[in-house]
Amino acid sequence: MSNKKPLTKRLEQAAGINRQANIIEKLHQADDRYWSVKDIAKYVGKSESTVRRKLLTDPRWPKPFQFGENAYKRWLASEVKKAVLLFRKD
């Protein structure tokens, strides 16, 4: 009798996780450009300094690419979008 509600809740949670995984996969396939800090700031609607201070210092944030010793760091747009989705839950 009481098992029905928890099971339903678990099934709904599983369906939600599957939807999120599908969204993340579509984002990954759709956009593999490299983004600068400025691009990330525009995407999240924050200043560049806030992005540097709050996101880039977080150990869960994707690792940047750096093409050459003196080149600016860049992040794959798909990885940034995935990270932002995950950070929204925190």
PDB file of N, CA and C in Angstrom:
ATOM      1  N   MET A   1       0.822  -1.180   0.000  1.00  0.00           N
ATOM      2  CA  MET A   1       0.000   0.000   0.000  1.00  0.00           C
ATOM      3  C   MET A   1       0.875   1.256   0.000  1.00  0.00           C
ATOM      4  N   SER A   2       1.805   1.389   0.912  1.00  0.00           N
ATOM      5  CA  SER A   2       2.638   2.580   0.969  1.00  0.00           C
ATOM      6  C   SER A   2       3.816   2.514  -0.011  1.00  0.00           C
ATOM      7  N   ASN A   3       4.079   1.336  -0.598  1.00  0.00           N
ATOM      8  CA  ASN A   3       5.174   1.196  -1.560  1.00  0.00           C
ATOM      9  C   ASN A   3       4.879   1.894  -2.883  1.00  0.00           C
ATOM     10  N   LYS A   4       3.620   2.123  -3.172  1.00  0.00           N
ATOM     11  CA  LYS A   4       3.248   2.703  -4.460  1.00  0.00           C
ATOM     12  C   LYS A   4       3.754   4.135  -4.605  1.00  0.00           C
ATOM     13  N   LYS A   5       3.607   4.936  -3.582  1.00  0.00           N
ATOM     14  CA  LYS A   5       4.032   6.332  -3.675  1.00  0.00           C
ATOM     15  C   LYS A   5       5.544   6.471  -3.794  1.00  0.00           C
ATOM     16  N   PRO A   6       6.351   5.799  -2.945  1.00  0.00           N
ATOM     17  CA  PRO A   6       7.803   5.929  -3.103  1.00  0.00           C
ATOM     18  C   PRO A   6       8.288   5.422  -4.463  1.00  0.00           C
ATOM     19  N   LEU A   7       7.686   4.348  -4.971  1.00  0.00           N
ATOM     20  CA  LEU A   7       8.082   3.822  -6.265  1.00  0.00           C
ATOM     21  C   LEU A   7       7.765   4.835  -7.368  1.00  0.00           C
ATOM     22  N   THR A   8       6.593   5.435  -7.295  1.00  0.00           N
ATOM     23  CA  THR A   8       6.211   6.444  -8.274  1.00  0.00           C
ATOM     24  C   THR A   8       7.173   7.621  -8.228  1.00  0.00           C
ATOM     25  N   LYS A   9       7.511   8.026  -7.029  1.00  0.00           N
ATOM     26  CA  LYS A   9       8.442   9.145  -6.867  1.00  0.00           C
ATOM     27  C   LYS A   9       9.807   8.802  -7.468  1.00  0.00           C
ATOM     28  N   ARG A  10      10.297   7.589  -7.236  1.00  0.00           N
ATOM     29  CA  ARG A  10      11.584   7.173  -7.792  1.00  0.00           C
ATOM     30  C   ARG A  10      11.544   7.114  -9.317  1.00  0.00           C
ATOM     31  N   LEU A  11      10.432   6.641  -9.862  1.00  0.00           N
ATOM     32  CA  LEU A  11      10.297   6.595 -11.318  1.00  0.00           C
ATOM     33  C   LEU A  11      10.291   8.003 -11.915  1.00  0.00           C
ATOM     34  N   GLU A  12       9.607   8.923 -11.242  1.00  0.00           N
ATOM     35  CA  GLU A  12       9.590  10.314 -11.706  1.00  0.00           C
ATOM     36  C   GLU A  12      10.984  10.922 -11.643  1.00  0.00           C
ATOM     37  N   GLN A  13      11.732  10.631 -10.583  1.00  0.00           N
ATOM     38  CA  GLN A  13      13.091  11.143 -10.453  1.00  0.00           C
ATOM     39  C   GLN A  13      13.979  10.578 -11.560  1.00  0.00           C
ATOM     40  N   ALA A  14      13.834   9.284 -11.845  1.00  0.00           N
ATOM     41  CA  ALA A  14      14.628   8.650 -12.900  1.00  0.00           C
ATOM     42  C   ALA A  14      14.312   9.274 -14.257  1.00  0.00           C
ATOM     43  N   ALA A  15      13.035   9.539 -14.499  1.00  0.00           N
ATOM     44  CA  ALA A  15      12.642  10.168 -15.763  1.00  0.00           C
ATOM     45  C   ALA A  15      13.247  11.570 -15.865  1.00  0.00           C
ATOM     46  N   GLY A  16      13.280  12.303 -14.767  1.00  0.00           N
ATOM     47  CA  GLY A  16      13.881  13.638 -14.754  1.00  0.00           C
ATOM     48  C   GLY A  16      15.368  13.586 -15.039  1.00  0.00           C
ATOM     49  N   ILE A  17      16.048  12.609 -14.472  1.00  0.00           N
ATOM     50  CA  ILE A  17      17.483  12.449 -14.712  1.00  0.00           C
ATOM     51  C   ILE A  17      17.741  12.121 -16.180  1.00  0.00           C
ATOM     52  N   ASN A  18      16.913  11.257 -16.762  1.00  0.00           N
ATOM     53  CA  ASN A  18      17.068  10.918 -18.178  1.00  0.00           C
ATOM     54  C   ASN A  18      16.856  12.136 -19.072  1.00  0.00           C
ATOM     55  N   ARG A  19      15.871  12.975 -18.734  1.00  0.00           N
ATOM     56  CA  ARG A  19      15.632  14.199 -19.514  1.00  0.00           C
ATOM     57  C   ARG A  19      16.848  15.119 -19.435  1.00  0.00           C
ATOM     58  N   GLN A  20      17.414  15.262 -18.230  1.00  0.00           N
ATOM     59  CA  GLN A  20      18.589  16.115 -18.069  1.00  0.00           C
ATOM     60  C   GLN A  20      19.773  15.571 -18.872  1.00  0.00           C
ATOM     61  N   ALA A  21      19.953  14.266 -18.852  1.00  0.00           N
ATOM     62  CA  ALA A  21      21.049  13.656 -19.610  1.00  0.00           C
ATOM     63  C   ALA A  21      20.867  13.896 -21.098  1.00  0.00           C
ATOM     64  N   ASN A  22      19.638  13.811 -21.588  1.00  0.00           N
ATOM     65  CA  ASN A  22      19.370  14.067 -23.002  1.00  0.00           C
ATOM     66  C   ASN A  22      19.657  15.516 -23.366  1.00  0.00           C
ATOM     67  N   ILE A  23      19.273  16.440 -22.498  1.00  0.00           N
ATOM     68  CA  ILE A  23      19.540  17.862 -22.740  1.00  0.00           C
ATOM     69  C   ILE A  23      21.041  18.109 -22.792  1.00  0.00           C
ATOM     70  N   ILE A  24      21.767  17.544 -21.848  1.00  0.00           N
ATOM     71  CA  ILE A  24      23.222  17.724 -21.797  1.00  0.00           C
ATOM     72  C   ILE A  24      23.872  17.165 -23.059  1.00  0.00           C
ATOM     73  N   GLU A  25      23.425  16.000 -23.501  1.00  0.00           N
ATOM     74  CA  GLU A  25      23.985  15.392 -24.706  1.00  0.00           C
ATOM     75  C   GLU A  25      23.722  16.263 -25.933  1.00  0.00           C
ATOM     76  N   LYS A  26      22.525  16.816 -26.045  1.00  0.00           N
ATOM     77  CA  LYS A  26      22.202  17.695 -27.179  1.00  0.00           C
ATOM     78  C   LYS A  26      23.055  18.955 -27.149  1.00  0.00           C
ATOM     79  N   LEU A  27      23.274  19.514 -25.966  1.00  0.00           N
ATOM     80  CA  LEU A  27      24.129  20.693 -25.848  1.00  0.00           C
ATOM     81  C   LEU A  27      25.548  20.365 -26.295  1.00  0.00           C
ATOM     82  N   HIS A  28      26.020  19.201 -25.904  1.00  0.00           N
ATOM     83  CA  HIS A  28      27.379  18.805 -26.248  1.00  0.00           C
ATOM     84  C   HIS A  28      27.541  18.663 -27.761  1.00  0.00           C
ATOM     85  N   GLN A  29      26.548  18.066 -28.404  1.00  0.00           N
ATOM     86  CA  GLN A  29      26.623  17.854 -29.842  1.00  0.00           C
ATOM     87  C   GLN A  29      26.464  19.164 -30.610  1.00  0.00           C
ATOM     88  N   ALA A  30      25.668  20.077 -30.082  1.00  0.00           N
ATOM     89  CA  ALA A  30      25.299  21.275 -30.825  1.00  0.00           C
ATOM     90  C   ALA A  30      26.373  22.358 -30.813  1.00  0.00           C
ATOM     91  N   ASP A  31      27.222  22.386 -29.820  1.00  0.00           N
ATOM     92  CA  ASP A  31      28.108  23.538 -29.696  1.00  0.00           C
ATOM     93  C   ASP A  31      29.471  23.144 -29.153  1.00  0.00           C
ATOM     94  N   ASP A  32      30.424  23.013 -30.037  1.00  0.00           N
ATOM     95  CA  ASP A  32      31.781  22.696 -29.598  1.00  0.00           C
ATOM     96  C   ASP A  32      32.760  23.811 -29.941  1.00  0.00           C
ATOM     97  N   ARG A  33      32.277  25.049 -29.819  1.00  0.00           N
ATOM     98  CA  ARG A  33      33.171  26.202 -29.964  1.00  0.00           C
ATOM     99  C   ARG A  33      33.958  26.370 -28.671  1.00  0.00           C
ATOM    100  N   TYR A  34      35.025  27.130 -28.758  1.00  0.00           N
ATOM    101  CA  TYR A  34      35.789  27.466 -27.563  1.00  0.00           C
ATOM    102  C   TYR A  34      35.356  28.837 -27.068  1.00  0.00           C
ATOM    103  N   TRP A  35      35.082  28.939 -25.770  1.00  0.00           N
ATOM    104  CA  TRP A  35      34.604  30.177 -25.168  1.00  0.00           C
ATOM    105  C   TRP A  35      35.675  30.804 -24.289  1.00  0.00           C
ATOM    106  N   SER A  36      35.714  32.113 -24.313  1.00  0.00           N
ATOM    107  CA  SER A  36      36.584  32.889 -23.428  1.00  0.00           C
ATOM    108  C   SER A  36      35.825  33.203 -22.134  1.00  0.00           C
ATOM    109  N   VAL A  37      36.503  33.823 -21.193  1.00  0.00           N
ATOM    110  CA  VAL A  37      35.835  34.258 -19.958  1.00  0.00           C
ATOM    111  C   VAL A  37      34.703  35.228 -20.306  1.00  0.00           C
ATOM    112  N   LYS A  38      34.940  36.080 -21.289  1.00  0.00           N
ATOM    113  CA  LYS A  38      33.913  37.032 -21.708  1.00  0.00           C
ATOM    114  C   LYS A  38      32.671  36.310 -22.240  1.00  0.00           C
ATOM    115  N   ASP A  39      32.873  35.262 -23.034  1.00  0.00           N
ATOM    116  CA  ASP A  39      31.746  34.476 -23.560  1.00  0.00           C
ATOM    117  C   ASP A  39      30.967  33.805 -22.429  1.00  0.00           C
ATOM    118  N   ILE A  40      31.702  33.249 -21.473  1.00  0.00           N
ATOM    119  CA  ILE A  40      31.063  32.576 -20.336  1.00  0.00           C
ATOM    120  C   ILE A  40      30.253  33.580 -19.524  1.00  0.00           C
ATOM    121  N   ALA A  41      30.834  34.743 -19.283  1.00  0.00           N
ATOM    122  CA  ALA A  41      30.142  35.780 -18.511  1.00  0.00           C
ATOM    123  C   ALA A  41      28.846  36.199 -19.202  1.00  0.00           C
ATOM    124  N   LYS A  42      28.901  36.348 -20.498  1.00  0.00           N
ATOM    125  CA  LYS A  42      27.699  36.717 -21.251  1.00  0.00           C
ATOM    126  C   LYS A  42      26.641  35.622 -21.145  1.00  0.00           C
ATOM    127  N   TYR A  43      27.061  34.369 -21.243  1.00  0.00           N
ATOM    128  CA  TYR A  43      26.135  33.237 -21.170  1.00  0.00           C
ATOM    129  C   TYR A  43      25.431  33.153 -19.815  1.00  0.00           C
ATOM    130  N   VAL A  44      26.182  33.354 -18.737  1.00  0.00           N
ATOM    131  CA  VAL A  44      25.584  33.224 -17.396  1.00  0.00           C
ATOM    132  C   VAL A  44      25.001  34.530 -16.878  1.00  0.00           C
ATOM    133  N   GLY A  45      25.249  35.622 -17.595  1.00  0.00           N
ATOM    134  CA  GLY A  45      24.694  36.910 -17.187  1.00  0.00           C
ATOM    135  C   GLY A  45      25.373  37.529 -15.977  1.00  0.00           C
ATOM    136  N   LYS A  46      26.663  37.281 -15.857  1.00  0.00           N
ATOM    137  CA  LYS A  46      27.460  37.833 -14.753  1.00  0.00           C
ATOM    138  C   LYS A  46      28.669  38.563 -15.324  1.00  0.00           C
ATOM    139  N   SER A  47      29.365  39.298 -14.479  1.00  0.00           N
ATOM    140  CA  SER A  47      30.567  39.995 -14.926  1.00  0.00           C
ATOM    141  C   SER A  47      31.722  39.003 -15.079  1.00  0.00           C
ATOM    142  N   GLU A  48      32.725  39.418 -15.841  1.00  0.00           N
ATOM    143  CA  GLU A  48      33.901  38.575 -16.012  1.00  0.00           C
ATOM    144  C   GLU A  48      34.603  38.317 -14.684  1.00  0.00           C
ATOM    145  N   SER A  49      34.651  39.323 -13.825  1.00  0.00           N
ATOM    146  CA  SER A  49      35.318  39.135 -12.530  1.00  0.00           C
ATOM    147  C   SER A  49      34.550  38.137 -11.659  1.00  0.00           C
ATOM    148  N   THR A  50      33.228  38.166 -11.728  1.00  0.00           N
ATOM    149  CA  THR A  50      32.428  37.199 -10.966  1.00  0.00           C
ATOM    150  C   THR A  50      32.665  35.792 -11.493  1.00  0.00           C
ATOM    151  N   VAL A  51      32.726  35.648 -12.798  1.00  0.00           N
ATOM    152  CA  VAL A  51      32.992  34.333 -13.397  1.00  0.00           C
ATOM    153  C   VAL A  51      34.353  33.831 -12.938  1.00  0.00           C
ATOM    154  N   ARG A  52      35.357  34.691 -12.986  1.00  0.00           N
ATOM    155  CA  ARG A  52      36.701  34.269 -12.551  1.00  0.00           C
ATOM    156  C   ARG A  52      36.715  33.879 -11.071  1.00  0.00           C
ATOM    157  N   ARG A  53      36.033  34.659 -10.254  1.00  0.00           N
ATOM    158  CA  ARG A  53      36.056  34.453  -8.805  1.00  0.00           C
ATOM    159  C   ARG A  53      35.204  33.267  -8.366  1.00  0.00           C
ATOM    160  N   LYS A  54      34.010  33.117  -8.958  1.00  0.00           N
ATOM    161  CA  LYS A  54      33.061  32.118  -8.449  1.00  0.00           C
ATOM    162  C   LYS A  54      33.064  30.804  -9.232  1.00  0.00           C
ATOM    163  N   LEU A  55      33.231  30.868 -10.535  1.00  0.00           N
ATOM    164  CA  LEU A  55      33.136  29.648 -11.333  1.00  0.00           C
ATOM    165  C   LEU A  55      34.491  29.019 -11.616  1.00  0.00           C
ATOM    166  N   LEU A  56      35.409  29.800 -12.143  1.00  0.00           N
ATOM    167  CA  LEU A  56      36.681  29.237 -12.584  1.00  0.00           C
ATOM    168  C   LEU A  56      37.520  28.686 -11.442  1.00  0.00           C
ATOM    169  N   THR A  57      37.259  29.135 -10.225  1.00  0.00           N
ATOM    170  CA  THR A  57      38.009  28.636  -9.070  1.00  0.00           C
ATOM    171  C   THR A  57      37.400  27.371  -8.476  1.00  0.00           C
ATOM    172  N   ASP A  58      36.194  27.030  -8.897  1.00  0.00           N
ATOM    173  CA  ASP A  58      35.521  25.842  -8.372  1.00  0.00           C
ATOM    174  C   ASP A  58      36.164  24.587  -8.974  1.00  0.00           C
ATOM    175  N   PRO A  59      36.544  23.623  -8.142  1.00  0.00           N
ATOM    176  CA  PRO A  59      37.221  22.421  -8.657  1.00  0.00           C
ATOM    177  C   PRO A  59      36.343  21.588  -9.599  1.00  0.00           C
ATOM    178  N   ARG A  60      35.038  21.789  -9.566  1.00  0.00           N
ATOM    179  CA  ARG A  60      34.133  21.035 -10.446  1.00  0.00           C
ATOM    180  C   ARG A  60      34.042  21.660 -11.841  1.00  0.00           C
ATOM    181  N   TRP A  61      34.557  22.876 -11.995  1.00  0.00           N
ATOM    182  CA  TRP A  61      34.486  23.575 -13.274  1.00  0.00           C
ATOM    183  C   TRP A  61      35.384  22.874 -14.289  1.00  0.00           C
ATOM    184  N   PRO A  62      34.970  22.783 -15.554  1.00  0.00           N
ATOM    185  CA  PRO A  62      35.796  22.114 -16.574  1.00  0.00           C
ATOM    186  C   PRO A  62      37.180  22.753 -16.715  1.00  0.00           C
ATOM    187  N   LYS A  63      38.130  21.924 -17.040  1.00  0.00           N
ATOM    188  CA  LYS A  63      39.502  22.407 -17.237  1.00  0.00           C
ATOM    189  C   LYS A  63      39.590  23.156 -18.570  1.00  0.00           C
ATOM    190  N   PRO A  64      40.338  24.242 -18.603  1.00  0.00           N
ATOM    191  CA  PRO A  64      40.458  25.018 -19.840  1.00  0.00           C
ATOM    192  C   PRO A  64      41.463  24.412 -20.811  1.00  0.00           C
ATOM    193  N   PHE A  65      41.361  24.855 -22.048  1.00  0.00           N
ATOM    194  CA  PHE A  65      42.348  24.545 -23.075  1.00  0.00           C
ATOM    195  C   PHE A  65      43.195  25.792 -23.260  1.00  0.00           C
ATOM    196  N   GLN A  66      44.468  25.586 -23.528  1.00  0.00           N
ATOM    197  CA  GLN A  66      45.352  26.715 -23.778  1.00  0.00           C
ATOM    198  C   GLN A  66      46.236  26.337 -24.966  1.00  0.00           C
ATOM    199  N   PHE A  67      46.036  27.037 -26.072  1.00  0.00           N
ATOM    200  CA  PHE A  67      46.751  26.731 -27.295  1.00  0.00           C
ATOM    201  C   PHE A  67      48.008  27.595 -27.376  1.00  0.00           C
ATOM    202  N   GLY A  68      49.076  27.076 -26.850  1.00  0.00           N
ATOM    203  CA  GLY A  68      50.326  27.828 -26.813  1.00  0.00           C
ATOM    204  C   GLY A  68      50.597  28.366 -25.420  1.00  0.00           C
ATOM    205  N   GLU A  69      51.858  28.618 -25.164  1.00  0.00           N
ATOM    206  CA  GLU A  69      52.296  29.032 -23.834  1.00  0.00           C
ATOM    207  C   GLU A  69      51.705  30.370 -23.393  1.00  0.00           C
ATOM    208  N   ASN A  70      51.601  31.323 -24.293  1.00  0.00           N
ATOM    209  CA  ASN A  70      51.115  32.652 -23.937  1.00  0.00           C
ATOM    210  C   ASN A  70      49.672  32.905 -24.369  1.00  0.00           C
ATOM    211  N   ALA A  71      49.003  31.879 -24.811  1.00  0.00           N
ATOM    212  CA  ALA A  71      47.626  32.044 -25.307  1.00  0.00           C
ATOM    213  C   ALA A  71      46.636  32.129 -24.130  1.00  0.00           C
ATOM    214  N   TYR A  72      45.509  32.768 -24.418  1.00  0.00           N
ATOM    215  CA  TYR A  72      44.441  32.832 -23.424  1.00  0.00           C
ATOM    216  C   TYR A  72      43.803  31.457 -23.248  1.00  0.00           C
ATOM    217  N   LYS A  73      43.238  31.225 -22.080  1.00  0.00           N
ATOM    218  CA  LYS A  73      42.550  29.968 -21.815  1.00  0.00           C
ATOM    219  C   LYS A  73      41.164  30.016 -22.449  1.00  0.00           C
ATOM    220  N   ARG A  74      40.722  28.846 -22.906  1.00  0.00           N
ATOM    221  CA  ARG A  74      39.401  28.703 -23.515  1.00  0.00           C
ATOM    222  C   ARG A  74      38.751  27.437 -22.982  1.00  0.00           C
ATOM    223  N   TRP A  75      37.406  27.445 -22.973  1.00  0.00           N
ATOM    224  CA  TRP A  75      36.623  26.310 -22.505  1.00  0.00           C
ATOM    225  C   TRP A  75      35.672  25.884 -23.603  1.00  0.00           C
ATOM    226  N   LEU A  76      35.447  24.581 -23.722  1.00  0.00           N
ATOM    227  CA  LEU A  76      34.468  24.106 -24.684  1.00  0.00           C
ATOM    228  C   LEU A  76      33.086  24.574 -24.254  1.00  0.00           C
ATOM    229  N   ALA A  77      32.355  25.177 -25.168  1.00  0.00           N
ATOM    230  CA  ALA A  77      31.024  25.703 -24.850  1.00  0.00           C
ATOM    231  C   ALA A  77      30.110  24.606 -24.306  1.00  0.00           C
ATOM    232  N   SER A  78      30.180  23.419 -24.882  1.00  0.00           N
ATOM    233  CA  SER A  78      29.320  22.327 -24.415  1.00  0.00           C
ATOM    234  C   SER A  78      29.622  21.962 -22.966  1.00  0.00           C
ATOM    235  N   GLU A  79      30.903  21.983 -22.574  1.00  0.00           N
ATOM    236  CA  GLU A  79      31.272  21.668 -21.193  1.00  0.00           C
ATOM    237  C   GLU A  79      30.823  22.774 -20.242  1.00  0.00           C
ATOM    238  N   VAL A  80      30.917  24.022 -20.698  1.00  0.00           N
ATOM    239  CA  VAL A  80      30.460  25.149 -19.880  1.00  0.00           C
ATOM    240  C   VAL A  80      28.959  25.030 -19.633  1.00  0.00           C
ATOM    241  N   LYS A  81      28.207  24.759 -20.682  1.00  0.00           N
ATOM    242  CA  LYS A  81      26.748  24.647 -20.549  1.00  0.00           C
ATOM    243  C   LYS A  81      26.365  23.504 -19.619  1.00  0.00           C
ATOM    244  N   LYS A  82      27.074  22.389 -19.720  1.00  0.00           N
ATOM    245  CA  LYS A  82      26.804  21.259 -18.842  1.00  0.00           C
ATOM    246  C   LYS A  82      27.104  21.639 -17.386  1.00  0.00           C
ATOM    247  N   ALA A  83      28.225  22.284 -17.152  1.00  0.00           N
ATOM    248  CA  ALA A  83      28.607  22.703 -15.797  1.00  0.00           C
ATOM    249  C   ALA A  83      27.589  23.673 -15.217  1.00  0.00           C
ATOM    250  N   VAL A  84      27.118  24.610 -16.024  1.00  0.00           N
ATOM    251  CA  VAL A  84      26.136  25.593 -15.550  1.00  0.00           C
ATOM    252  C   VAL A  84      24.854  24.885 -15.137  1.00  0.00           C
ATOM    253  N   LEU A  85      24.423  23.891 -15.904  1.00  0.00           N
ATOM    254  CA  LEU A  85      23.231  23.125 -15.519  1.00  0.00           C
ATOM    255  C   LEU A  85      23.432  22.423 -14.180  1.00  0.00           C
ATOM    256  N   LEU A  86      24.594  21.867 -13.981  1.00  0.00           N
ATOM    257  CA  LEU A  86      24.882  21.165 -12.731  1.00  0.00           C
ATOM    258  C   LEU A  86      24.989  22.142 -11.559  1.00  0.00           C
ATOM    259  N   PHE A  87      25.562  23.324 -11.799  1.00  0.00           N
ATOM    260  CA  PHE A  87      25.725  24.316 -10.742  1.00  0.00           C
ATOM    261  C   PHE A  87      24.380  24.899 -10.314  1.00  0.00           C
ATOM    262  N   ARG A  88      23.410  24.938 -11.194  1.00  0.00           N
ATOM    263  CA  ARG A  88      22.101  25.484 -10.858  1.00  0.00           C
ATOM    264  C   ARG A  88      21.445  24.750  -9.698  1.00  0.00           C
ATOM    265  N   LYS A  89      21.777  23.486  -9.533  1.00  0.00           N
ATOM    266  CA  LYS A  89      21.186  22.669  -8.471  1.00  0.00           C
ATOM    267  C   LYS A  89      21.769  22.989  -7.109  1.00  0.00           C
ATOM    268  N   ASP A  90      22.968  23.574  -7.100  1.00  0.00           N
ATOM    269  CA  ASP A  90      23.633  23.867  -5.814  1.00  0.00           C
ATOM    270  C   ASP A  90      23.061  25.072  -5.144  1.00  0.00           C
TER     271      ASP A  90
END
